[in-house]
């Protein structure tokens, strides 16, 4: 298992993918938001044609833990985290989730980025979400706090995403909405127990109830409805599926090194587009 990003450049990620393929070993990446039962339910509804032909995809990933100049993290240093910070860290999750749910691939991107906190306190190797402290040395910031991306998929569907780690009040607002001919489906990580279904004649809230979900989603619902599951449960399911794959199974939710390498290619394309002044870049 290798945490994402698989590497800080697409070229290095490709080297790891090749090494994993040559080894014949199971090599996985924890894109764990896939393991929300409501996400798998959304995927099944899209694949089964229940929302009709996909017309539009939009959403984003907003956090606030880097919203002030007193907030710092090792990811701010490009020598450690690579050229991208916010998009590589959380935008990559959104892209993987969108492709997983829709079954479509991002084909081209048009992106812009912004560093809205140009100088930060220098906390050295501060871990993520550490409590900030006042005073001390500071450093210039060159990695992005915000990214906005237009994209089109390989099936010609257009979409937008907004990614930020400087949005006060947003703790982990990963949200994805897929609009089809017949209905829309929306998932929010801060409310993972429910899935929103929108139709012209009304809306519906689908609960994470193992008795009501399709079998592939119910497999991941390990507690009765109303007994909340969350982020840690997604990691446990990911680890279990990795062990199952070692035993010869082929779990269809599991993300492999190939998915990690693809994510690195998307990150590289987003950063290349931003450097070129929001030019369209093929993935």
C-alpha atoms as a PDB file:
ATOM      1  CA  UNK A   1       0.000   0.000   0.000  1.00  0.00           C
ATOM      2  CA  UNK A   2       1.276   3.449  -0.888  1.00  0.00           C
ATOM      3  CA  UNK A   3      -0.503   6.624   0.189  1.00  0.00           C
ATOM      4  CA  UNK A   4      -1.393   9.055  -2.532  1.00  0.00           C
ATOM      5  CA  UNK A   5       0.148  10.833  -4.244  1.00  0.00           C
ATOM      6  CA  UNK A   6       1.917   7.751  -5.502  1.00  0.00           C
ATOM      7  CA  UNK A   7       4.761  10.115  -6.423  1.00  0.00           C
ATOM      8  CA  UNK A   8       5.255  13.852  -6.826  1.00  0.00           C
ATOM      9  CA  UNK A   9       5.465  13.641 -10.639  1.00  0.00           C
ATOM     10  CA  UNK A  10       3.683  11.548 -13.236  1.00  0.00           C
ATOM     11  CA  UNK A  11       6.988  10.191 -14.522  1.00  0.00           C
ATOM     12  CA  UNK A  12       7.984   8.844 -11.108  1.00  0.00           C
ATOM     13  CA  UNK A  13       4.508   7.409 -10.547  1.00  0.00           C
ATOM     14  CA  UNK A  14       4.814   5.569 -13.865  1.00  0.00           C
ATOM     15  CA  UNK A  15       8.114   4.053 -12.706  1.00  0.00           C
ATOM     16  CA  UNK A  16       6.422   2.744  -9.570  1.00  0.00           C
ATOM     17  CA  UNK A  17       3.562   1.332 -11.632  1.00  0.00           C
ATOM     18  CA  UNK A  18       5.980  -0.522 -13.900  1.00  0.00           C
ATOM     19  CA  UNK A  19       7.887  -1.878 -10.900  1.00  0.00           C
ATOM     20  CA  UNK A  20       4.655  -3.107  -9.310  1.00  0.00           C
ATOM     21  CA  UNK A  21       3.536  -4.786 -12.534  1.00  0.00           C
ATOM     22  CA  UNK A  22       6.878  -6.518 -12.953  1.00  0.00           C
ATOM     23  CA  UNK A  23       6.842  -7.752  -9.364  1.00  0.00           C
ATOM     24  CA  UNK A  24       3.465  -9.442  -9.722  1.00  0.00           C
ATOM     25  CA  UNK A  25       2.544  -8.244  -6.252  1.00  0.00           C
ATOM     26  CA  UNK A  26      -0.655  -6.570  -5.114  1.00  0.00           C
ATOM     27  CA  UNK A  27       0.005  -2.803  -5.050  1.00  0.00           C
ATOM     28  CA  UNK A  28      -2.831  -0.529  -3.943  1.00  0.00           C
ATOM     29  CA  UNK A  29      -3.529   3.144  -3.231  1.00  0.00           C
ATOM     30  CA  UNK A  30      -6.004   4.294  -0.534  1.00  0.00           C
ATOM     31  CA  UNK A  31      -8.495   6.329  -2.489  1.00  0.00           C
ATOM     32  CA  UNK A  32     -10.746   5.412   0.401  1.00  0.00           C
ATOM     33  CA  UNK A  33     -13.706   7.705  -0.282  1.00  0.00           C
ATOM     34  CA  UNK A  34     -14.731   5.055  -2.795  1.00  0.00           C
ATOM     35  CA  UNK A  35     -15.548   2.869   0.188  1.00  0.00           C
ATOM     36  CA  UNK A  36     -18.495   4.905   1.417  1.00  0.00           C
ATOM     37  CA  UNK A  37     -21.493   2.617   0.809  1.00  0.00           C
ATOM     38  CA  UNK A  38     -23.457   5.610  -0.495  1.00  0.00           C
ATOM     39  CA  UNK A  39     -20.721   6.265  -3.084  1.00  0.00           C
ATOM     40  CA  UNK A  40     -20.975   2.697  -4.341  1.00  0.00           C
ATOM     41  CA  UNK A  41     -24.759   3.098  -4.427  1.00  0.00           C
ATOM     42  CA  UNK A  42     -24.359   6.252  -6.529  1.00  0.00           C
ATOM     43  CA  UNK A  43     -22.006   4.438  -8.879  1.00  0.00           C
ATOM     44  CA  UNK A  44     -24.515   1.613  -9.320  1.00  0.00           C
ATOM     45  CA  UNK A  45     -27.329   4.035 -10.104  1.00  0.00           C
ATOM     46  CA  UNK A  46     -25.253   5.808 -12.746  1.00  0.00           C
ATOM     47  CA  UNK A  47     -24.018   2.560 -14.316  1.00  0.00           C
ATOM     48  CA  UNK A  48     -27.520   1.090 -14.259  1.00  0.00           C
ATOM     49  CA  UNK A  49     -28.941   4.008 -16.209  1.00  0.00           C
ATOM     50  CA  UNK A  50     -31.250   5.144 -13.403  1.00  0.00           C
ATOM     51  CA  UNK A  51     -30.295   8.803 -13.857  1.00  0.00           C
ATOM     52  CA  UNK A  52     -30.186   8.575 -17.655  1.00  0.00           C
ATOM     53  CA  UNK A  53     -27.327   9.789 -19.814  1.00  0.00           C
ATOM     54  CA  UNK A  54     -24.865  11.899 -17.827  1.00  0.00           C
ATOM     55  CA  UNK A  55     -25.023  15.557 -18.845  1.00  0.00           C
ATOM     56  CA  UNK A  56     -22.968  17.445 -16.266  1.00  0.00           C
ATOM     57  CA  UNK A  57     -20.583  16.774 -13.381  1.00  0.00           C
ATOM     58  CA  UNK A  58     -19.571  19.302 -10.749  1.00  0.00           C
ATOM     59  CA  UNK A  59     -18.347  19.603  -7.187  1.00  0.00           C
ATOM     60  CA  UNK A  60     -15.174  20.141  -5.261  1.00  0.00           C
ATOM     61  CA  UNK A  61     -13.221  19.625  -2.086  1.00  0.00           C
ATOM     62  CA  UNK A  62     -13.035  22.436   0.489  1.00  0.00           C
ATOM     63  CA  UNK A  63     -11.139  22.537   3.798  1.00  0.00           C
ATOM     64  CA  UNK A  64     -10.123  25.295   6.237  1.00  0.00           C
ATOM     65  CA  UNK A  65      -7.134  23.900   8.123  1.00  0.00           C
ATOM     66  CA  UNK A  66      -4.672  26.073   6.153  1.00  0.00           C
ATOM     67  CA  UNK A  67      -6.786  29.238   6.088  1.00  0.00           C
ATOM     68  CA  UNK A  68      -4.539  31.559   8.145  1.00  0.00           C
ATOM     69  CA  UNK A  69      -0.911  32.629   7.928  1.00  0.00           C
ATOM     70  CA  UNK A  70      -0.249  30.853  11.238  1.00  0.00           C
ATOM     71  CA  UNK A  71      -1.154  27.472   9.705  1.00  0.00           C
ATOM     72  CA  UNK A  72       1.672  25.405   8.269  1.00  0.00           C
ATOM     73  CA  UNK A  73       2.373  21.846   7.178  1.00  0.00           C
ATOM     74  CA  UNK A  74       5.224  19.927   5.568  1.00  0.00           C
ATOM     75  CA  UNK A  75       3.224  19.905   2.316  1.00  0.00           C
ATOM     76  CA  UNK A  76       3.915  23.638   1.879  1.00  0.00           C
ATOM     77  CA  UNK A  77       7.512  22.785   0.961  1.00  0.00           C
ATOM     78  CA  UNK A  78       7.631  21.785  -2.745  1.00  0.00           C
ATOM     79  CA  UNK A  79      10.887  19.893  -2.118  1.00  0.00           C
ATOM     80  CA  UNK A  80       8.834  17.466  -0.001  1.00  0.00           C
ATOM     81  CA  UNK A  81       5.393  17.529  -1.586  1.00  0.00           C
ATOM     82  CA  UNK A  82       6.050  18.397  -5.223  1.00  0.00           C
ATOM     83  CA  UNK A  83       4.929  21.313  -7.371  1.00  0.00           C
ATOM     84  CA  UNK A  84       1.272  20.979  -6.320  1.00  0.00           C
ATOM     85  CA  UNK A  85      -0.001  21.088  -2.760  1.00  0.00           C
ATOM     86  CA  UNK A  86      -3.761  21.528  -2.509  1.00  0.00           C
ATOM     87  CA  UNK A  87      -4.744  19.873  -5.764  1.00  0.00           C
ATOM     88  CA  UNK A  88      -2.337  16.942  -5.345  1.00  0.00           C
ATOM     89  CA  UNK A  89      -3.472  16.475  -1.750  1.00  0.00           C
ATOM     90  CA  UNK A  90      -7.262  16.684  -2.053  1.00  0.00           C
ATOM     91  CA  UNK A  91      -8.149  17.499  -5.660  1.00  0.00           C
ATOM     92  CA  UNK A  92      -6.749  14.098  -6.556  1.00  0.00           C
ATOM     93  CA  UNK A  93      -9.376  12.480  -4.317  1.00  0.00           C
ATOM     94  CA  UNK A  94     -12.179  14.349  -6.069  1.00  0.00           C
ATOM     95  CA  UNK A  95     -10.977  13.344  -9.521  1.00  0.00           C
ATOM     96  CA  UNK A  96     -10.683   9.694  -8.530  1.00  0.00           C
ATOM     97  CA  UNK A  97     -14.158   9.756  -6.972  1.00  0.00           C
ATOM     98  CA  UNK A  98     -15.690  11.398 -10.048  1.00  0.00           C
ATOM     99  CA  UNK A  99     -14.151   8.836 -12.402  1.00  0.00           C
ATOM    100  CA  UNK A 100     -15.151   5.973 -10.099  1.00  0.00           C
ATOM    101  CA  UNK A 101     -18.791   7.061  -9.845  1.00  0.00           C
ATOM    102  CA  UNK A 102     -19.342   8.049 -13.483  1.00  0.00           C
ATOM    103  CA  UNK A 103     -17.137   5.470 -15.191  1.00  0.00           C
ATOM    104  CA  UNK A 104     -15.763   8.300 -17.343  1.00  0.00           C
ATOM    105  CA  UNK A 105     -12.222   9.653 -17.519  1.00  0.00           C
ATOM    106  CA  UNK A 106     -11.103  13.267 -17.404  1.00  0.00           C
ATOM    107  CA  UNK A 107      -9.812  13.893 -20.925  1.00  0.00           C
ATOM    108  CA  UNK A 108      -8.692  17.521 -20.755  1.00  0.00           C
ATOM    109  CA  UNK A 109      -8.436  20.271 -18.138  1.00  0.00           C
ATOM    110  CA  UNK A 110      -8.368  24.063 -18.042  1.00  0.00           C
ATOM    111  CA  UNK A 111      -7.105  25.213 -14.653  1.00  0.00           C
ATOM    112  CA  UNK A 112      -6.085  28.200 -12.610  1.00  0.00           C
ATOM    113  CA  UNK A 113      -4.449  28.210  -9.191  1.00  0.00           C
ATOM    114  CA  UNK A 114      -3.866  30.849  -6.526  1.00  0.00           C
ATOM    115  CA  UNK A 115      -1.650  31.229  -3.481  1.00  0.00           C
ATOM    116  CA  UNK A 116      -3.811  33.448  -1.294  1.00  0.00           C
ATOM    117  CA  UNK A 117      -1.624  33.135   1.812  1.00  0.00           C
ATOM    118  CA  UNK A 118       1.763  34.123   0.352  1.00  0.00           C
ATOM    119  CA  UNK A 119       3.678  33.862   3.628  1.00  0.00           C
ATOM    120  CA  UNK A 120       3.210  31.317   6.390  1.00  0.00           C
ATOM    121  CA  UNK A 121       4.636  30.538   9.788  1.00  0.00           C
ATOM    122  CA  UNK A 122       7.474  28.053   9.432  1.00  0.00           C
ATOM    123  CA  UNK A 123       6.583  25.079  11.623  1.00  0.00           C
ATOM    124  CA  UNK A 124       9.040  22.712   9.945  1.00  0.00           C
ATOM    125  CA  UNK A 125       7.620  19.205   9.923  1.00  0.00           C
ATOM    126  CA  UNK A 126       4.204  20.113  11.310  1.00  0.00           C
ATOM    127  CA  UNK A 127       1.698  17.269  10.810  1.00  0.00           C
ATOM    128  CA  UNK A 128      -1.618  17.823   9.102  1.00  0.00           C
ATOM    129  CA  UNK A 129      -4.332  19.498  11.212  1.00  0.00           C
ATOM    130  CA  UNK A 130      -1.878  20.401  14.002  1.00  0.00           C
ATOM    131  CA  UNK A 131      -2.980  23.217  16.296  1.00  0.00           C
ATOM    132  CA  UNK A 132      -1.445  26.495  15.178  1.00  0.00           C
ATOM    133  CA  UNK A 133       0.790  28.531  17.454  1.00  0.00           C
ATOM    134  CA  UNK A 134       1.543  32.249  17.380  1.00  0.00           C
ATOM    135  CA  UNK A 135       4.860  33.872  16.488  1.00  0.00           C
ATOM    136  CA  UNK A 136       8.111  32.414  15.238  1.00  0.00           C
ATOM    137  CA  UNK A 137       9.843  32.449  11.848  1.00  0.00           C
ATOM    138  CA  UNK A 138       7.942  32.606   8.563  1.00  0.00           C
ATOM    139  CA  UNK A 139       8.533  31.507   4.976  1.00  0.00           C
ATOM    140  CA  UNK A 140       7.352  32.394   1.492  1.00  0.00           C
ATOM    141  CA  UNK A 141       4.767  30.086  -0.067  1.00  0.00           C
ATOM    142  CA  UNK A 142       4.959  28.985  -3.703  1.00  0.00           C
ATOM    143  CA  UNK A 143       2.462  26.102  -3.714  1.00  0.00           C
ATOM    144  CA  UNK A 144      -1.231  26.718  -4.335  1.00  0.00           C
ATOM    145  CA  UNK A 145      -3.987  27.199  -1.745  1.00  0.00           C
ATOM    146  CA  UNK A 146      -6.812  27.133  -4.305  1.00  0.00           C
ATOM    147  CA  UNK A 147      -7.448  25.528  -7.698  1.00  0.00           C
ATOM    148  CA  UNK A 148     -10.397  25.875 -10.042  1.00  0.00           C
ATOM    149  CA  UNK A 149     -10.705  23.479 -12.947  1.00  0.00           C
ATOM    150  CA  UNK A 150     -12.905  23.162 -16.007  1.00  0.00           C
ATOM    151  CA  UNK A 151     -12.762  19.726 -17.580  1.00  0.00           C
ATOM    152  CA  UNK A 152     -14.313  17.496 -20.179  1.00  0.00           C
ATOM    153  CA  UNK A 153     -14.473  13.733 -20.032  1.00  0.00           C
ATOM    154  CA  UNK A 154     -13.604  11.145 -22.646  1.00  0.00           C
ATOM    155  CA  UNK A 155     -17.364  10.864 -23.308  1.00  0.00           C
ATOM    156  CA  UNK A 156     -17.681  14.595 -23.964  1.00  0.00           C
ATOM    157  CA  UNK A 157     -19.368  15.523 -20.661  1.00  0.00           C
ATOM    158  CA  UNK A 158     -18.332  18.931 -19.271  1.00  0.00           C
ATOM    159  CA  UNK A 159     -17.705  19.654 -15.613  1.00  0.00           C
ATOM    160  CA  UNK A 160     -16.194  21.922 -12.994  1.00  0.00           C
ATOM    161  CA  UNK A 161     -14.409  21.489  -9.698  1.00  0.00           C
ATOM    162  CA  UNK A 162     -13.218  23.863  -6.962  1.00  0.00           C
ATOM    163  CA  UNK A 163     -10.496  22.811  -4.539  1.00  0.00           C
ATOM    164  CA  UNK A 164      -9.418  24.824  -1.499  1.00  0.00           C
ATOM    165  CA  UNK A 165      -7.703  24.427   1.856  1.00  0.00           C
ATOM    166  CA  UNK A 166      -8.449  28.029   2.859  1.00  0.00           C
ATOM    167  CA  UNK A 167     -12.287  28.032   3.082  1.00  0.00           C
ATOM    168  CA  UNK A 168     -13.300  28.909   6.673  1.00  0.00           C
ATOM    169  CA  UNK A 169     -15.916  26.602   8.136  1.00  0.00           C
ATOM    170  CA  UNK A 170     -15.394  23.825   5.611  1.00  0.00           C
ATOM    171  CA  UNK A 171     -13.784  20.899   7.407  1.00  0.00           C
ATOM    172  CA  UNK A 172     -13.841  18.194   4.764  1.00  0.00           C
ATOM    173  CA  UNK A 173     -16.424  19.264   2.199  1.00  0.00           C
ATOM    174  CA  UNK A 174     -15.821  16.704  -0.522  1.00  0.00           C
ATOM    175  CA  UNK A 175     -18.929  16.875  -2.695  1.00  0.00           C
ATOM    176  CA  UNK A 176     -19.793  15.375  -6.055  1.00  0.00           C
ATOM    177  CA  UNK A 177     -22.960  15.896  -8.077  1.00  0.00           C
ATOM    178  CA  UNK A 178     -23.742  14.049 -11.300  1.00  0.00           C
ATOM    179  CA  UNK A 179     -26.670  15.341 -13.363  1.00  0.00           C
ATOM    180  CA  UNK A 180     -28.326  13.001 -15.823  1.00  0.00           C
ATOM    181  CA  UNK A 181     -31.305  13.182 -18.154  1.00  0.00           C
ATOM    182  CA  UNK A 182     -33.691  11.761 -15.535  1.00  0.00           C
ATOM    183  CA  UNK A 183     -32.147  12.604 -12.174  1.00  0.00           C
ATOM    184  CA  UNK A 184     -29.175  13.991 -10.312  1.00  0.00           C
ATOM    185  CA  UNK A 185     -27.210  12.216  -7.606  1.00  0.00           C
ATOM    186  CA  UNK A 186     -25.109  14.003  -4.977  1.00  0.00           C
ATOM    187  CA  UNK A 187     -22.659  12.699  -2.364  1.00  0.00           C
ATOM    188  CA  UNK A 188     -21.133  14.769   0.457  1.00  0.00           C
ATOM    189  CA  UNK A 189     -18.366  13.328   2.629  1.00  0.00           C
ATOM    190  CA  UNK A 190     -19.430  15.461   5.611  1.00  0.00           C
ATOM    191  CA  UNK A 191     -22.811  13.685   5.384  1.00  0.00           C
ATOM    192  CA  UNK A 192     -21.771  10.207   4.268  1.00  0.00           C
ATOM    193  CA  UNK A 193     -24.789   8.439   5.730  1.00  0.00           C
ATOM    194  CA  UNK A 194     -27.078   9.788   3.013  1.00  0.00           C
ATOM    195  CA  UNK A 195     -27.208  10.154  -0.753  1.00  0.00           C
ATOM    196  CA  UNK A 196     -29.267  12.919  -2.356  1.00  0.00           C
ATOM    197  CA  UNK A 197     -31.333  12.084  -5.426  1.00  0.00           C
ATOM    198  CA  UNK A 198     -32.916  14.973  -7.303  1.00  0.00           C
ATOM    199  CA  UNK A 199     -35.688  14.745  -9.878  1.00  0.00           C
ATOM    200  CA  UNK A 200     -37.783  17.436 -11.501  1.00  0.00           C
ATOM    201  CA  UNK A 201     -40.863  16.271  -9.615  1.00  0.00           C
ATOM    202  CA  UNK A 202     -39.101  16.067  -6.248  1.00  0.00           C
ATOM    203  CA  UNK A 203     -36.085  14.943  -4.256  1.00  0.00           C
ATOM    204  CA  UNK A 204     -35.223  11.853  -2.253  1.00  0.00           C
ATOM    205  CA  UNK A 205     -32.768  11.075   0.530  1.00  0.00           C
ATOM    206  CA  UNK A 206     -31.320   7.561   0.402  1.00  0.00           C
ATOM    207  CA  UNK A 207     -29.944   6.353   3.744  1.00  0.00           C
ATOM    208  CA  UNK A 208     -27.015   4.025   4.231  1.00  0.00           C
ATOM    209  CA  UNK A 209     -29.323   1.170   5.109  1.00  0.00           C
ATOM    210  CA  UNK A 210     -27.862  -2.255   4.251  1.00  0.00           C
ATOM    211  CA  UNK A 211     -31.402  -3.567   3.733  1.00  0.00           C
ATOM    212  CA  UNK A 212     -32.140  -0.961   1.062  1.00  0.00           C
ATOM    213  CA  UNK A 213     -28.828  -0.632  -0.804  1.00  0.00           C
ATOM    214  CA  UNK A 214     -27.828  -2.654  -3.846  1.00  0.00           C
ATOM    215  CA  UNK A 215     -25.654  -5.668  -2.889  1.00  0.00           C
ATOM    216  CA  UNK A 216     -22.282  -4.150  -3.830  1.00  0.00           C
ATOM    217  CA  UNK A 217     -23.002  -1.157  -1.570  1.00  0.00           C
ATOM    218  CA  UNK A 218     -24.596  -3.199   1.226  1.00  0.00           C
ATOM    219  CA  UNK A 219     -21.370  -5.245   1.415  1.00  0.00           C
ATOM    220  CA  UNK A 220     -19.645  -2.155   2.815  1.00  0.00           C
ATOM    221  CA  UNK A 221     -22.420  -1.205   5.247  1.00  0.00           C
ATOM    222  CA  UNK A 222     -21.123  -2.889   8.397  1.00  0.00           C
ATOM    223  CA  UNK A 223     -23.468  -1.277  10.929  1.00  0.00           C
ATOM    224  CA  UNK A 224     -27.274  -0.993  11.001  1.00  0.00           C
ATOM    225  CA  UNK A 225     -28.850   2.146   9.549  1.00  0.00           C
ATOM    226  CA  UNK A 226     -28.638   5.041  11.988  1.00  0.00           C
ATOM    227  CA  UNK A 227     -25.373   3.761  13.507  1.00  0.00           C
ATOM    228  CA  UNK A 228     -22.932   6.041  11.744  1.00  0.00           C
ATOM    229  CA  UNK A 229     -20.057   4.811   9.643  1.00  0.00           C
ATOM    230  CA  UNK A 230     -17.283   7.144   8.548  1.00  0.00           C
ATOM    231  CA  UNK A 231     -13.794   7.799   7.239  1.00  0.00           C
ATOM    232  CA  UNK A 232     -12.000   5.247   9.431  1.00  0.00           C
ATOM    233  CA  UNK A 233     -14.424   2.536   8.300  1.00  0.00           C
ATOM    234  CA  UNK A 234     -13.491   3.305   4.697  1.00  0.00           C
ATOM    235  CA  UNK A 235      -9.828   2.659   5.505  1.00  0.00           C
ATOM    236  CA  UNK A 236     -10.702  -0.625   7.196  1.00  0.00           C
ATOM    237  CA  UNK A 237     -12.662  -1.748   4.139  1.00  0.00           C
ATOM    238  CA  UNK A 238      -9.777  -0.725   1.869  1.00  0.00           C
ATOM    239  CA  UNK A 239      -7.292  -2.759   3.929  1.00  0.00           C
ATOM    240  CA  UNK A 240      -9.657  -5.748   3.945  1.00  0.00           C
ATOM    241  CA  UNK A 241     -10.025  -5.595   0.158  1.00  0.00           C
ATOM    242  CA  UNK A 242      -6.244  -5.360  -0.254  1.00  0.00           C
ATOM    243  CA  UNK A 243      -5.832  -8.543   1.780  1.00  0.00           C
ATOM    244  CA  UNK A 244      -8.616 -10.158  -0.240  1.00  0.00           C
ATOM    245  CA  UNK A 245      -6.755  -9.245  -3.439  1.00  0.00           C
ATOM    246  CA  UNK A 246      -3.612 -10.883  -2.060  1.00  0.00           C
ATOM    247  CA  UNK A 247      -5.742 -13.985  -1.637  1.00  0.00           C
ATOM    248  CA  UNK A 248      -6.801 -13.883  -5.283  1.00  0.00           C
ATOM    249  CA  UNK A 249     -10.020 -11.845  -5.148  1.00  0.00           C
ATOM    250  CA  UNK A 250     -10.652  -8.901  -7.487  1.00  0.00           C
ATOM    251  CA  UNK A 251     -12.626  -6.302  -5.455  1.00  0.00           C
ATOM    252  CA  UNK A 252     -14.127  -3.796  -7.892  1.00  0.00           C
ATOM    253  CA  UNK A 253     -13.847  -0.863  -5.452  1.00  0.00           C
ATOM    254  CA  UNK A 254     -10.120  -1.262  -4.846  1.00  0.00           C
ATOM    255  CA  UNK A 255      -7.726   1.368  -6.247  1.00  0.00           C
ATOM    256  CA  UNK A 256      -4.463   0.063  -7.675  1.00  0.00           C
ATOM    257  CA  UNK A 257      -1.100   1.615  -8.539  1.00  0.00           C
ATOM    258  CA  UNK A 258      -2.533   2.230 -12.016  1.00  0.00           C
ATOM    259  CA  UNK A 259      -5.124   4.519 -10.398  1.00  0.00           C
ATOM    260  CA  UNK A 260      -2.383   6.291  -8.464  1.00  0.00           C
ATOM    261  CA  UNK A 261      -0.366   6.797 -11.639  1.00  0.00           C
ATOM    262  CA  UNK A 262      -3.423   8.138 -13.434  1.00  0.00           C
ATOM    263  CA  UNK A 263      -4.023  10.578 -10.589  1.00  0.00           C
ATOM    264  CA  UNK A 264      -0.452  11.864 -10.933  1.00  0.00           C
ATOM    265  CA  UNK A 265      -1.036  12.456 -14.652  1.00  0.00           C
ATOM    266  CA  UNK A 266      -4.145  14.517 -13.884  1.00  0.00           C
ATOM    267  CA  UNK A 267      -2.236  16.579 -11.298  1.00  0.00           C
ATOM    268  CA  UNK A 268       0.556  17.232 -13.802  1.00  0.00           C
ATOM    269  CA  UNK A 269      -1.998  18.306 -16.427  1.00  0.00           C
ATOM    270  CA  UNK A 270      -3.738  20.690 -14.001  1.00  0.00           C
ATOM    271  CA  UNK A 271      -0.460  22.329 -13.008  1.00  0.00           C
ATOM    272  CA  UNK A 272       0.666  22.570 -16.645  1.00  0.00           C
ATOM    273  CA  UNK A 273      -2.616  24.282 -17.544  1.00  0.00           C
ATOM    274  CA  UNK A 274      -2.295  26.757 -14.678  1.00  0.00           C
ATOM    275  CA  UNK A 275       1.299  27.606 -15.634  1.00  0.00           C
ATOM    276  CA  UNK A 276       0.158  28.207 -19.215  1.00  0.00           C
ATOM    277  CA  UNK A 277      -2.506  30.706 -18.143  1.00  0.00           C
ATOM    278  CA  UNK A 278      -5.496  28.352 -18.032  1.00  0.00           C
ATOM    279  CA  UNK A 279      -4.790  26.741 -21.388  1.00  0.00           C
ATOM    280  CA  UNK A 280      -6.549  23.470 -22.216  1.00  0.00           C
ATOM    281  CA  UNK A 281      -4.242  20.512 -21.556  1.00  0.00           C
ATOM    282  CA  UNK A 282      -4.957  16.904 -22.509  1.00  0.00           C
ATOM    283  CA  UNK A 283      -4.572  14.275 -19.796  1.00  0.00           C
END
